[in-house]
């Protein structure tokens, strides 16, 4: 992945917020991201598809859920950028994490979050 392509993906607030939440949580499904970001499912899915197409995210299916996680094969600089951005921007993430933890009916693997 080239830096220009990577940073263009981060330039959108929905994609950046989604990625930072995924960095914090390890993996999330579309329904969790729609709840955390207060956005519609089609919008979140469209942005996740862009990130998956760019190989920034990987997905896996578990029953009715599709979970997204960072691609561990991203260049080290890209992973470090996301991790540092996540750590240094608690003011952005705190309300999103609060929305996420307030969500009812989260997928089974995430019940320990809240």
C-alpha atoms as a PDB file:
ATOM      1  CA  UNK A   1       0.000   0.000   0.000  1.00  0.00           C
ATOM      2  CA  UNK A   2       1.249   3.433  -0.930  1.00  0.00           C
ATOM      3  CA  UNK A   3       1.101   6.269   1.629  1.00  0.00           C
ATOM      4  CA  UNK A   4      -1.034   8.534  -0.582  1.00  0.00           C
ATOM      5  CA  UNK A   5      -3.683   5.815  -1.020  1.00  0.00           C
ATOM      6  CA  UNK A   6      -3.644   5.016   2.709  1.00  0.00           C
ATOM      7  CA  UNK A   7      -3.996   8.621   3.855  1.00  0.00           C
ATOM      8  CA  UNK A   8      -6.762   9.290   1.323  1.00  0.00           C
ATOM      9  CA  UNK A   9      -8.696   6.445   2.968  1.00  0.00           C
ATOM     10  CA  UNK A  10      -8.146   8.036   6.386  1.00  0.00           C
ATOM     11  CA  UNK A  11      -9.319  11.441   5.147  1.00  0.00           C
ATOM     12  CA  UNK A  12     -12.978  10.413   5.451  1.00  0.00           C
ATOM     13  CA  UNK A  13     -14.387  10.718   8.983  1.00  0.00           C
ATOM     14  CA  UNK A  14     -16.510   7.555   8.731  1.00  0.00           C
ATOM     15  CA  UNK A  15     -13.589   5.431   7.539  1.00  0.00           C
ATOM     16  CA  UNK A  16     -11.186   6.933  10.082  1.00  0.00           C
ATOM     17  CA  UNK A  17     -13.610   6.466  12.972  1.00  0.00           C
ATOM     18  CA  UNK A  18     -14.383   2.903  11.869  1.00  0.00           C
ATOM     19  CA  UNK A  19     -10.701   2.032  11.688  1.00  0.00           C
ATOM     20  CA  UNK A  20      -9.925   3.574  15.070  1.00  0.00           C
ATOM     21  CA  UNK A  21     -12.793   1.670  16.670  1.00  0.00           C
ATOM     22  CA  UNK A  22     -11.566  -1.552  15.095  1.00  0.00           C
ATOM     23  CA  UNK A  23      -8.046  -0.817  16.408  1.00  0.00           C
ATOM     24  CA  UNK A  24      -9.531  -0.394  19.917  1.00  0.00           C
ATOM     25  CA  UNK A  25     -11.835  -3.423  19.815  1.00  0.00           C
ATOM     26  CA  UNK A  26      -9.843  -5.847  17.667  1.00  0.00           C
ATOM     27  CA  UNK A  27     -12.773  -6.537  15.381  1.00  0.00           C
ATOM     28  CA  UNK A  28     -16.293  -5.235  14.912  1.00  0.00           C
ATOM     29  CA  UNK A  29     -19.297  -6.060  12.769  1.00  0.00           C
ATOM     30  CA  UNK A  30     -21.348  -3.660  10.654  1.00  0.00           C
ATOM     31  CA  UNK A  31     -24.153  -3.474  13.216  1.00  0.00           C
ATOM     32  CA  UNK A  32     -21.709  -2.451  15.948  1.00  0.00           C
ATOM     33  CA  UNK A  33     -20.205   0.260  13.756  1.00  0.00           C
ATOM     34  CA  UNK A  34     -23.638   1.597  12.754  1.00  0.00           C
ATOM     35  CA  UNK A  35     -24.529   1.879  16.434  1.00  0.00           C
ATOM     36  CA  UNK A  36     -21.217   3.436  17.492  1.00  0.00           C
ATOM     37  CA  UNK A  37     -21.131   5.965  14.643  1.00  0.00           C
ATOM     38  CA  UNK A  38     -24.908   6.620  14.516  1.00  0.00           C
ATOM     39  CA  UNK A  39     -24.860   6.015  10.751  1.00  0.00           C
ATOM     40  CA  UNK A  40     -26.921   3.871   8.404  1.00  0.00           C
ATOM     41  CA  UNK A  41     -25.965   0.322   7.510  1.00  0.00           C
ATOM     42  CA  UNK A  42     -25.555   1.063   3.761  1.00  0.00           C
ATOM     43  CA  UNK A  43     -23.160   3.939   4.491  1.00  0.00           C
ATOM     44  CA  UNK A  44     -21.032   1.890   6.890  1.00  0.00           C
ATOM     45  CA  UNK A  45     -21.015  -1.096   4.531  1.00  0.00           C
ATOM     46  CA  UNK A  46     -19.910   1.074   1.612  1.00  0.00           C
ATOM     47  CA  UNK A  47     -16.972   2.464   3.596  1.00  0.00           C
ATOM     48  CA  UNK A  48     -15.992  -0.968   4.911  1.00  0.00           C
ATOM     49  CA  UNK A  49     -16.058  -2.309   1.349  1.00  0.00           C
ATOM     50  CA  UNK A  50     -13.616   0.429   0.315  1.00  0.00           C
ATOM     51  CA  UNK A  51     -11.281  -0.454   3.187  1.00  0.00           C
ATOM     52  CA  UNK A  52     -11.543  -4.172   2.406  1.00  0.00           C
ATOM     53  CA  UNK A  53     -10.918  -3.527  -1.302  1.00  0.00           C
ATOM     54  CA  UNK A  54      -7.772  -1.562  -0.393  1.00  0.00           C
ATOM     55  CA  UNK A  55      -6.725  -4.517   1.802  1.00  0.00           C
ATOM     56  CA  UNK A  56      -6.702  -2.376   4.949  1.00  0.00           C
ATOM     57  CA  UNK A  57      -9.385  -4.613   6.516  1.00  0.00           C
ATOM     58  CA  UNK A  58     -10.087  -8.323   6.409  1.00  0.00           C
ATOM     59  CA  UNK A  59     -13.479  -9.837   7.109  1.00  0.00           C
ATOM     60  CA  UNK A  60     -14.801 -13.121   8.443  1.00  0.00           C
ATOM     61  CA  UNK A  61     -18.300 -14.496   8.684  1.00  0.00           C
ATOM     62  CA  UNK A  62     -19.664 -15.961  11.910  1.00  0.00           C
ATOM     63  CA  UNK A  63     -23.285 -17.006  11.447  1.00  0.00           C
ATOM     64  CA  UNK A  64     -25.259 -13.906  10.474  1.00  0.00           C
ATOM     65  CA  UNK A  65     -22.417 -11.555  11.466  1.00  0.00           C
ATOM     66  CA  UNK A  66     -19.543 -10.315   9.315  1.00  0.00           C
ATOM     67  CA  UNK A  67     -16.627  -9.096  11.418  1.00  0.00           C
ATOM     68  CA  UNK A  68     -13.936  -6.696  10.230  1.00  0.00           C
ATOM     69  CA  UNK A  69     -10.378  -6.496  11.546  1.00  0.00           C
ATOM     70  CA  UNK A  70      -7.154  -4.804  10.500  1.00  0.00           C
ATOM     71  CA  UNK A  71      -5.117  -6.652   7.936  1.00  0.00           C
ATOM     72  CA  UNK A  72      -1.999  -7.780   9.850  1.00  0.00           C
ATOM     73  CA  UNK A  73      -0.062  -7.623   6.568  1.00  0.00           C
ATOM     74  CA  UNK A  74      -0.409  -3.839   6.367  1.00  0.00           C
ATOM     75  CA  UNK A  75       2.969  -2.139   6.291  1.00  0.00           C
ATOM     76  CA  UNK A  76       4.397  -1.522   9.741  1.00  0.00           C
ATOM     77  CA  UNK A  77       4.181   2.268   9.259  1.00  0.00           C
ATOM     78  CA  UNK A  78       0.435   2.014   8.480  1.00  0.00           C
ATOM     79  CA  UNK A  79      -0.300  -0.157  11.536  1.00  0.00           C
ATOM     80  CA  UNK A  80       1.734   2.164  13.751  1.00  0.00           C
ATOM     81  CA  UNK A  81      -0.082   5.208  12.334  1.00  0.00           C
ATOM     82  CA  UNK A  82      -3.468   3.710  13.199  1.00  0.00           C
ATOM     83  CA  UNK A  83      -2.380   2.595  16.660  1.00  0.00           C
ATOM     84  CA  UNK A  84      -0.824   5.965  17.515  1.00  0.00           C
ATOM     85  CA  UNK A  85      -3.821   7.861  16.148  1.00  0.00           C
ATOM     86  CA  UNK A  86      -6.109   5.701  18.267  1.00  0.00           C
ATOM     87  CA  UNK A  87      -4.088   6.236  21.449  1.00  0.00           C
ATOM     88  CA  UNK A  88      -3.694   9.979  20.918  1.00  0.00           C
ATOM     89  CA  UNK A  89      -7.346  10.748  20.089  1.00  0.00           C
ATOM     90  CA  UNK A  90      -9.384   9.606  23.075  1.00  0.00           C
ATOM     91  CA  UNK A  91     -11.674  12.650  22.735  1.00  0.00           C
ATOM     92  CA  UNK A  92     -12.813  11.348  19.345  1.00  0.00           C
ATOM     93  CA  UNK A  93     -13.121   7.734  20.448  1.00  0.00           C
ATOM     94  CA  UNK A  94     -14.706   8.083  23.894  1.00  0.00           C
ATOM     95  CA  UNK A  95     -18.244   8.994  22.736  1.00  0.00           C
ATOM     96  CA  UNK A  96     -18.097   6.357  19.985  1.00  0.00           C
ATOM     97  CA  UNK A  97     -17.057   3.669  22.462  1.00  0.00           C
ATOM     98  CA  UNK A  98     -19.833   4.811  24.799  1.00  0.00           C
ATOM     99  CA  UNK A  99     -22.360   4.369  21.952  1.00  0.00           C
ATOM    100  CA  UNK A 100     -20.905   0.947  21.217  1.00  0.00           C
ATOM    101  CA  UNK A 101     -21.132  -0.221  24.810  1.00  0.00           C
ATOM    102  CA  UNK A 102     -24.716   1.049  25.071  1.00  0.00           C
ATOM    103  CA  UNK A 103     -25.739  -1.132  22.130  1.00  0.00           C
ATOM    104  CA  UNK A 104     -28.064  -3.993  22.972  1.00  0.00           C
ATOM    105  CA  UNK A 105     -27.879  -7.384  21.278  1.00  0.00           C
ATOM    106  CA  UNK A 106     -24.195  -7.198  20.407  1.00  0.00           C
ATOM    107  CA  UNK A 107     -22.748 -10.308  18.775  1.00  0.00           C
ATOM    108  CA  UNK A 108     -21.730 -13.018  21.238  1.00  0.00           C
ATOM    109  CA  UNK A 109     -17.971 -12.603  20.986  1.00  0.00           C
ATOM    110  CA  UNK A 110     -18.221  -8.965  22.103  1.00  0.00           C
ATOM    111  CA  UNK A 111     -20.233  -9.349  25.306  1.00  0.00           C
ATOM    112  CA  UNK A 112     -17.112  -8.928  27.451  1.00  0.00           C
ATOM    113  CA  UNK A 113     -16.600  -5.365  26.170  1.00  0.00           C
ATOM    114  CA  UNK A 114     -19.099  -3.677  28.426  1.00  0.00           C
END
